Amino acid sequence: MAIATITRKVLNALKHRRTQQRLHAELRLHDPRLLKDIGLRWEQGQLVSIHGVDEQNKRTQRHQAETRDAHETCPHCGSRLT
């Protein structure tokens, strides 16, 4: 029973690895301009995001600042609401 479980786990791991390798190889065949359009690029053999990991965090902070400014100013005259 334990051998069957181990064998199944090994086969699943190999299947997952093969799927990931196939996906990675397919992306390598795409034109760099197409990858740029979807926000990716090749860097030292690794597929990385053009915007980086912190881009989402910066976008959220910018949105929070804009929202805070919108609530602190009058929509009609633009003066501070304090």
N, C-alpha and C. Protein backbone atom coordinates (compact mmCIF):
# COMPACT_ATOMS: atom_id res chain seq x y z
N MET A 1 0.83 -1.18 0.00
CA MET A 1 0.00 0.00 0.00
C MET A 1 0.87 1.25 0.00
N ALA A 2 1.91 1.30 0.82
CA ALA A 2 2.78 2.46 0.89
C ALA A 2 3.57 2.65 -0.40
N ILE A 3 3.92 1.55 -1.04
CA ILE A 3 4.67 1.64 -2.29
C ILE A 3 3.80 2.27 -3.37
N ALA A 4 2.52 1.93 -3.39
CA ALA A 4 1.61 2.51 -4.37
C ALA A 4 1.47 4.01 -4.16
N THR A 5 1.38 4.44 -2.92
CA THR A 5 1.26 5.86 -2.60
C THR A 5 2.51 6.62 -3.03
N ILE A 6 3.66 6.07 -2.72
CA ILE A 6 4.92 6.72 -3.09
C ILE A 6 5.06 6.79 -4.61
N THR A 7 4.71 5.69 -5.28
CA THR A 7 4.80 5.66 -6.73
C THR A 7 3.87 6.70 -7.35
N ARG A 8 2.66 6.81 -6.83
CA ARG A 8 1.70 7.78 -7.34
C ARG A 8 2.22 9.21 -7.14
N LYS A 9 2.82 9.49 -5.98
CA LYS A 9 3.35 10.83 -5.71
C LYS A 9 4.51 11.15 -6.65
N VAL A 10 5.38 10.18 -6.89
CA VAL A 10 6.52 10.39 -7.79
C VAL A 10 6.02 10.64 -9.21
N LEU A 11 5.05 9.85 -9.67
CA LEU A 11 4.52 10.04 -11.01
C LEU A 11 3.83 11.39 -11.15
N ASN A 12 3.09 11.82 -10.14
CA ASN A 12 2.46 13.14 -10.18
C ASN A 12 3.50 14.26 -10.22
N ALA A 13 4.57 14.11 -9.45
CA ALA A 13 5.63 15.12 -9.44
C ALA A 13 6.31 15.19 -10.81
N LEU A 14 6.58 14.04 -11.42
CA LEU A 14 7.19 14.02 -12.75
C LEU A 14 6.26 14.63 -13.80
N LYS A 15 4.97 14.33 -13.69
CA LYS A 15 4.01 14.90 -14.63
C LYS A 15 3.95 16.42 -14.48
N HIS A 16 3.94 16.91 -13.25
CA HIS A 16 3.91 18.35 -13.01
C HIS A 16 5.18 19.02 -13.55
N ARG A 17 6.32 18.40 -13.31
CA ARG A 17 7.59 18.97 -13.80
C ARG A 17 7.60 19.02 -15.33
N ARG A 18 7.12 17.98 -15.97
CA ARG A 18 7.10 17.94 -17.44
C ARG A 18 6.16 19.03 -17.99
N THR A 19 5.02 19.20 -17.33
CA THR A 19 4.09 20.24 -17.76
C THR A 19 4.72 21.62 -17.65
N GLN A 20 5.43 21.87 -16.55
CA GLN A 20 6.09 23.16 -16.36
C GLN A 20 7.20 23.38 -17.39
N GLN A 21 7.95 22.33 -17.69
CA GLN A 21 9.01 22.45 -18.69
C GLN A 21 8.43 22.74 -20.06
N ARG A 22 7.32 22.10 -20.40
CA ARG A 22 6.69 22.32 -21.69
C ARG A 22 6.18 23.76 -21.80
N LEU A 23 5.57 24.25 -20.74
CA LEU A 23 5.09 25.63 -20.73
C LEU A 23 6.25 26.61 -20.89
N HIS A 24 7.34 26.34 -20.17
CA HIS A 24 8.52 27.20 -20.23
C HIS A 24 9.12 27.18 -21.64
N ALA A 25 9.17 26.01 -22.26
CA ALA A 25 9.73 25.90 -23.61
C ALA A 25 8.85 26.62 -24.63
N GLU A 26 7.52 26.54 -24.44
CA GLU A 26 6.63 27.21 -25.37
C GLU A 26 6.80 28.73 -25.28
N LEU A 27 7.00 29.25 -24.08
CA LEU A 27 7.22 30.69 -23.94
C LEU A 27 8.53 31.12 -24.57
N ARG A 28 9.52 30.24 -24.55
CA ARG A 28 10.82 30.56 -25.14
C ARG A 28 10.69 30.73 -26.66
N LEU A 29 9.74 30.07 -27.25
CA LEU A 29 9.56 30.16 -28.70
C LEU A 29 8.87 31.44 -29.13
N HIS A 30 8.23 32.14 -28.21
CA HIS A 30 7.50 33.36 -28.57
C HIS A 30 8.46 34.52 -28.85
N ASP A 31 7.98 35.41 -29.65
CA ASP A 31 8.71 36.61 -30.02
C ASP A 31 8.87 37.51 -28.79
N PRO A 32 10.05 38.12 -28.59
CA PRO A 32 10.24 39.02 -27.44
C PRO A 32 9.24 40.17 -27.38
N ARG A 33 8.78 40.63 -28.54
CA ARG A 33 7.78 41.71 -28.54
C ARG A 33 6.45 41.23 -27.99
N LEU A 34 6.09 39.98 -28.28
CA LEU A 34 4.85 39.42 -27.73
C LEU A 34 4.97 39.27 -26.22
N LEU A 35 6.12 38.80 -25.75
CA LEU A 35 6.32 38.68 -24.30
C LEU A 35 6.24 40.05 -23.63
N LYS A 36 6.79 41.08 -24.29
CA LYS A 36 6.73 42.42 -23.75
C LYS A 36 5.29 42.90 -23.64
N ASP A 37 4.48 42.55 -24.63
CA ASP A 37 3.07 42.95 -24.61
C ASP A 37 2.33 42.35 -23.41
N ILE A 38 2.71 41.15 -22.98
CA ILE A 38 2.05 40.54 -21.84
C ILE A 38 2.79 40.80 -20.54
N GLY A 39 3.84 41.63 -20.60
CA GLY A 39 4.53 42.06 -19.39
C GLY A 39 5.63 41.15 -18.91
N LEU A 40 6.24 40.40 -19.81
CA LEU A 40 7.31 39.47 -19.43
C LEU A 40 8.56 39.75 -20.25
N ARG A 41 9.71 39.26 -19.75
CA ARG A 41 10.95 39.34 -20.51
C ARG A 41 11.89 38.24 -20.02
N TRP A 42 12.86 37.90 -20.87
CA TRP A 42 13.88 36.91 -20.49
C TRP A 42 15.06 37.65 -19.89
N GLU A 43 15.50 37.21 -18.71
CA GLU A 43 16.64 37.82 -18.05
C GLU A 43 17.51 36.70 -17.49
N GLN A 44 18.68 36.52 -18.06
CA GLN A 44 19.63 35.49 -17.64
C GLN A 44 18.99 34.11 -17.61
N GLY A 45 18.22 33.80 -18.66
CA GLY A 45 17.59 32.49 -18.76
C GLY A 45 16.34 32.31 -17.92
N GLN A 46 15.90 33.34 -17.23
CA GLN A 46 14.70 33.27 -16.40
C GLN A 46 13.63 34.19 -16.98
N LEU A 47 12.40 33.76 -16.92
CA LEU A 47 11.28 34.58 -17.35
C LEU A 47 10.84 35.43 -16.17
N VAL A 48 10.93 36.76 -16.30
CA VAL A 48 10.61 37.67 -15.20
C VAL A 48 9.61 38.72 -15.68
N SER A 49 8.93 39.31 -14.73
CA SER A 49 7.98 40.36 -15.03
C SER A 49 8.71 41.66 -15.34
N ILE A 50 8.21 42.41 -16.29
CA ILE A 50 8.82 43.69 -16.63
C ILE A 50 8.65 44.67 -15.48
N HIS A 51 7.50 44.63 -14.85
CA HIS A 51 7.16 45.59 -13.82
C HIS A 51 7.74 45.26 -12.45
N GLY A 52 8.18 44.05 -12.27
CA GLY A 52 8.72 43.66 -10.98
C GLY A 52 7.63 43.29 -9.99
N VAL A 53 8.04 42.78 -8.86
CA VAL A 53 7.10 42.32 -7.85
C VAL A 53 6.46 43.48 -7.11
N ASP A 54 7.19 44.57 -6.90
CA ASP A 54 6.69 45.68 -6.09
C ASP A 54 5.72 46.58 -6.84
N GLU A 55 5.52 46.36 -8.12
CA GLU A 55 4.64 47.24 -8.90
C GLU A 55 3.22 47.24 -8.36
N GLN A 56 2.70 46.08 -8.00
CA GLN A 56 1.34 46.02 -7.46
C GLN A 56 1.25 46.80 -6.16
N ASN A 57 2.27 46.67 -5.31
CA ASN A 57 2.28 47.38 -4.04
C ASN A 57 2.33 48.89 -4.27
N LYS A 58 3.13 49.36 -5.20
CA LYS A 58 3.22 50.79 -5.50
C LYS A 58 1.90 51.30 -6.05
N ARG A 59 1.27 50.51 -6.90
CA ARG A 59 -0.01 50.90 -7.48
C ARG A 59 -1.07 51.04 -6.38
N THR A 60 -1.07 50.12 -5.42
CA THR A 60 -2.02 50.17 -4.32
C THR A 60 -1.77 51.39 -3.45
N GLN A 61 -0.51 51.68 -3.16
CA GLN A 61 -0.19 52.85 -2.35
C GLN A 61 -0.60 54.14 -3.06
N ARG A 62 -0.37 54.20 -4.37
CA ARG A 62 -0.74 55.39 -5.14
C ARG A 62 -2.26 55.56 -5.13
N HIS A 63 -3.00 54.46 -5.28
CA HIS A 63 -4.46 54.52 -5.26
C HIS A 63 -4.96 54.98 -3.90
N GLN A 64 -4.34 54.48 -2.82
CA GLN A 64 -4.75 54.90 -1.47
C GLN A 64 -4.49 56.39 -1.27
N ALA A 65 -3.37 56.88 -1.77
CA ALA A 65 -3.06 58.31 -1.63
C ALA A 65 -4.06 59.15 -2.42
N GLU A 66 -4.39 58.73 -3.63
CA GLU A 66 -5.35 59.48 -4.44
C GLU A 66 -6.73 59.47 -3.78
N THR A 67 -7.12 58.34 -3.23
CA THR A 67 -8.41 58.24 -2.56
C THR A 67 -8.45 59.12 -1.33
N ARG A 68 -7.38 59.09 -0.56
CA ARG A 68 -7.30 59.92 0.64
C ARG A 68 -7.37 61.40 0.27
N ASP A 69 -6.64 61.80 -0.78
CA ASP A 69 -6.68 63.20 -1.23
C ASP A 69 -8.08 63.58 -1.71
N ALA A 70 -8.77 62.65 -2.36
CA ALA A 70 -10.11 62.94 -2.86
C ALA A 70 -11.08 63.17 -1.71
N HIS A 71 -10.89 62.47 -0.59
CA HIS A 71 -11.79 62.64 0.54
C HIS A 71 -11.42 63.83 1.41
N GLU A 72 -10.22 64.34 1.26
CA GLU A 72 -9.77 65.47 2.08
C GLU A 72 -9.94 66.81 1.37
N THR A 73 -10.40 66.80 0.13
CA THR A 73 -10.58 68.07 -0.60
C THR A 73 -12.03 68.19 -1.04
N CYS A 74 -12.48 69.40 -1.15
CA CYS A 74 -13.85 69.70 -1.60
C CYS A 74 -13.94 69.45 -3.10
N PRO A 75 -14.93 68.69 -3.56
CA PRO A 75 -15.04 68.42 -4.99
C PRO A 75 -15.41 69.63 -5.82
N HIS A 76 -15.97 70.66 -5.19
CA HIS A 76 -16.40 71.85 -5.93
C HIS A 76 -15.30 72.91 -6.03
N CYS A 77 -14.69 73.25 -4.87
CA CYS A 77 -13.71 74.34 -4.90
C CYS A 77 -12.28 73.85 -4.76
N GLY A 78 -12.06 72.61 -4.31
CA GLY A 78 -10.70 72.07 -4.19
C GLY A 78 -10.00 72.45 -2.90
N SER A 79 -10.69 73.09 -1.97
CA SER A 79 -10.03 73.46 -0.70
C SER A 79 -9.99 72.25 0.23
N ARG A 80 -9.04 72.30 1.17
CA ARG A 80 -8.85 71.20 2.13
C ARG A 80 -10.02 71.14 3.11
N LEU A 81 -10.48 69.93 3.39
CA LEU A 81 -11.55 69.70 4.35
C LEU A 81 -10.94 69.24 5.67
N THR A 82 -10.60 70.16 6.54
CA THR A 82 -10.01 69.79 7.83
C THR A 82 -10.82 70.30 8.99
